[in-house]
Amino acid sequence: MLDRFDMLMFAVAGYVAIVTLVRLMITRRDEVVSYLRTDLERQAAAAAAEEHDDERDAA
């Protein structure tokens, strides 16, 4: 049977596992947001450069 100590150890292990998982998820989310932000900025810069080239060719 499980006594009080075993239940306490399960609770502590569960808490550590959940906190670790949440930290990993937050880190991964920040990486994905950073990647997407960089990609969007790169696309916007390319679109602006293309628009600028189109204006120069029209003149």
N, C-alpha and C. Protein backbone atom coordinates (compact mmCIF):
# COMPACT_ATOMS: atom_id res chain seq x y z
N MET A 1 0.83 -1.19 0.00
CA MET A 1 0.00 0.00 0.00
C MET A 1 0.88 1.25 0.00
N LEU A 2 0.30 2.32 -0.45
CA LEU A 2 1.00 3.59 -0.47
C LEU A 2 0.78 4.33 0.84
N ASP A 3 1.87 4.75 1.42
CA ASP A 3 1.72 5.53 2.64
C ASP A 3 1.88 7.02 2.32
N ARG A 4 1.89 7.82 3.34
CA ARG A 4 1.93 9.28 3.19
C ARG A 4 3.21 9.73 2.47
N PHE A 5 4.36 9.11 2.78
CA PHE A 5 5.62 9.46 2.15
C PHE A 5 5.58 9.20 0.65
N ASP A 6 5.03 8.06 0.24
CA ASP A 6 4.93 7.74 -1.19
C ASP A 6 4.06 8.76 -1.92
N MET A 7 2.96 9.13 -1.33
CA MET A 7 2.08 10.11 -1.96
C MET A 7 2.78 11.46 -2.08
N LEU A 8 3.53 11.84 -1.04
CA LEU A 8 4.28 13.09 -1.08
C LEU A 8 5.33 13.06 -2.19
N MET A 9 6.01 11.95 -2.34
CA MET A 9 7.02 11.82 -3.40
C MET A 9 6.37 11.89 -4.78
N PHE A 10 5.21 11.28 -4.98
CA PHE A 10 4.49 11.38 -6.25
C PHE A 10 4.09 12.82 -6.54
N ALA A 11 3.64 13.50 -5.52
CA ALA A 11 3.23 14.90 -5.70
C ALA A 11 4.43 15.77 -6.07
N VAL A 12 5.54 15.59 -5.41
CA VAL A 12 6.74 16.37 -5.71
C VAL A 12 7.24 16.05 -7.12
N ALA A 13 7.27 14.78 -7.50
CA ALA A 13 7.72 14.39 -8.83
C ALA A 13 6.79 14.95 -9.90
N GLY A 14 5.50 14.92 -9.64
CA GLY A 14 4.53 15.48 -10.59
C GLY A 14 4.71 16.97 -10.74
N TYR A 15 4.93 17.66 -9.65
CA TYR A 15 5.15 19.11 -9.69
C TYR A 15 6.40 19.44 -10.49
N VAL A 16 7.48 18.74 -10.23
CA VAL A 16 8.73 18.98 -10.96
C VAL A 16 8.53 18.71 -12.44
N ALA A 17 7.84 17.64 -12.79
CA ALA A 17 7.62 17.30 -14.19
C ALA A 17 6.79 18.38 -14.88
N ILE A 18 5.76 18.85 -14.24
CA ILE A 18 4.89 19.87 -14.85
C ILE A 18 5.65 21.18 -15.01
N VAL A 19 6.38 21.60 -14.00
CA VAL A 19 7.13 22.86 -14.08
C VAL A 19 8.18 22.77 -15.19
N THR A 20 8.87 21.64 -15.29
CA THR A 20 9.87 21.46 -16.34
C THR A 20 9.22 21.51 -17.72
N LEU A 21 8.10 20.84 -17.89
CA LEU A 21 7.41 20.85 -19.18
C LEU A 21 6.95 22.25 -19.56
N VAL A 22 6.42 22.98 -18.62
CA VAL A 22 5.96 24.34 -18.90
C VAL A 22 7.14 25.23 -19.30
N ARG A 23 8.26 25.11 -18.62
CA ARG A 23 9.44 25.91 -18.99
C ARG A 23 9.92 25.57 -20.39
N LEU A 24 9.94 24.28 -20.72
CA LEU A 24 10.34 23.87 -22.07
C LEU A 24 9.39 24.43 -23.12
N MET A 25 8.09 24.39 -22.84
CA MET A 25 7.10 24.90 -23.78
C MET A 25 7.24 26.41 -23.97
N ILE A 26 7.51 27.13 -22.90
CA ILE A 26 7.69 28.59 -23.00
C ILE A 26 8.92 28.90 -23.83
N THR A 27 10.01 28.18 -23.60
CA THR A 27 11.23 28.40 -24.38
C THR A 27 10.98 28.13 -25.85
N ARG A 28 10.30 27.04 -26.16
CA ARG A 28 10.02 26.70 -27.56
C ARG A 28 9.10 27.74 -28.19
N ARG A 29 8.10 28.21 -27.45
CA ARG A 29 7.21 29.24 -27.96
C ARG A 29 7.98 30.50 -28.31
N ASP A 30 8.90 30.89 -27.44
CA ASP A 30 9.70 32.09 -27.70
C ASP A 30 10.57 31.90 -28.94
N GLU A 31 11.11 30.70 -29.14
CA GLU A 31 11.91 30.43 -30.33
C GLU A 31 11.06 30.54 -31.60
N VAL A 32 9.87 29.98 -31.57
CA VAL A 32 8.99 30.00 -32.74
C VAL A 32 8.55 31.44 -33.04
N VAL A 33 8.19 32.19 -32.02
CA VAL A 33 7.78 33.58 -32.21
C VAL A 33 8.93 34.39 -32.80
N SER A 34 10.13 34.19 -32.30
CA SER A 34 11.29 34.90 -32.81
C SER A 34 11.54 34.54 -34.27
N TYR A 35 11.44 33.27 -34.61
CA TYR A 35 11.64 32.84 -35.99
C TYR A 35 10.59 33.45 -36.91
N LEU A 36 9.33 33.41 -36.49
CA LEU A 36 8.27 33.96 -37.32
C LEU A 36 8.40 35.47 -37.47
N ARG A 37 8.77 36.17 -36.41
CA ARG A 37 8.95 37.62 -36.48
C ARG A 37 10.07 37.96 -37.46
N THR A 38 11.18 37.24 -37.39
CA THR A 38 12.30 37.47 -38.30
C THR A 38 11.89 37.18 -39.74
N ASP A 39 11.15 36.11 -39.94
CA ASP A 39 10.71 35.75 -41.29
C ASP A 39 9.76 36.81 -41.85
N LEU A 40 8.85 37.31 -41.03
CA LEU A 40 7.93 38.35 -41.50
C LEU A 40 8.67 39.64 -41.82
N GLU A 41 9.65 40.00 -41.00
CA GLU A 41 10.44 41.20 -41.28
C GLU A 41 11.22 41.04 -42.58
N ARG A 42 11.76 39.84 -42.82
CA ARG A 42 12.49 39.59 -44.05
C ARG A 42 11.56 39.69 -45.27
N GLN A 43 10.36 39.14 -45.14
CA GLN A 43 9.40 39.22 -46.24
C GLN A 43 8.97 40.66 -46.49
N ALA A 44 8.77 41.42 -45.43
CA ALA A 44 8.37 42.82 -45.60
C ALA A 44 9.49 43.62 -46.27
N ALA A 45 10.74 43.36 -45.88
CA ALA A 45 11.86 44.06 -46.49
C ALA A 45 11.98 43.69 -47.97
N ALA A 46 11.78 42.42 -48.29
CA ALA A 46 11.85 41.99 -49.69
C ALA A 46 10.73 42.63 -50.50
N ALA A 47 9.54 42.71 -49.93
CA ALA A 47 8.41 43.33 -50.64
C ALA A 47 8.67 44.82 -50.84
N ALA A 48 9.23 45.48 -49.84
CA ALA A 48 9.53 46.90 -49.97
C ALA A 48 10.61 47.13 -51.02
N ALA A 49 11.62 46.27 -51.04
CA ALA A 49 12.68 46.41 -52.04
C ALA A 49 12.14 46.16 -53.44
N GLU A 50 11.26 45.19 -53.57
CA GLU A 50 10.65 44.91 -54.87
C GLU A 50 9.79 46.08 -55.33
N GLU A 51 9.04 46.66 -54.40
CA GLU A 51 8.21 47.82 -54.74
C GLU A 51 9.08 49.00 -55.16
N HIS A 52 10.18 49.18 -54.46
CA HIS A 52 11.10 50.26 -54.79
C HIS A 52 11.72 50.04 -56.18
N ASP A 53 12.07 48.79 -56.50
CA ASP A 53 12.62 48.47 -57.81
C ASP A 53 11.59 48.71 -58.91
N ASP A 54 10.32 48.37 -58.63
CA ASP A 54 9.25 48.60 -59.60
C ASP A 54 9.06 50.09 -59.89
N GLU A 55 9.15 50.91 -58.83
CA GLU A 55 9.01 52.36 -59.01
C GLU A 55 10.17 52.92 -59.82
N ARG A 56 11.36 52.40 -59.60
CA ARG A 56 12.54 52.88 -60.32
C ARG A 56 12.47 52.46 -61.80
N ASP A 57 11.96 51.25 -62.07
CA ASP A 57 11.83 50.79 -63.45
C ASP A 57 10.76 51.58 -64.20
N ALA A 58 9.71 52.02 -63.52
CA ALA A 58 8.64 52.77 -64.17
C ALA A 58 9.09 54.17 -64.55
N ALA A 59 10.06 54.70 -63.86
CA ALA A 59 10.51 56.08 -64.14
C ALA A 59 11.46 56.17 -65.28
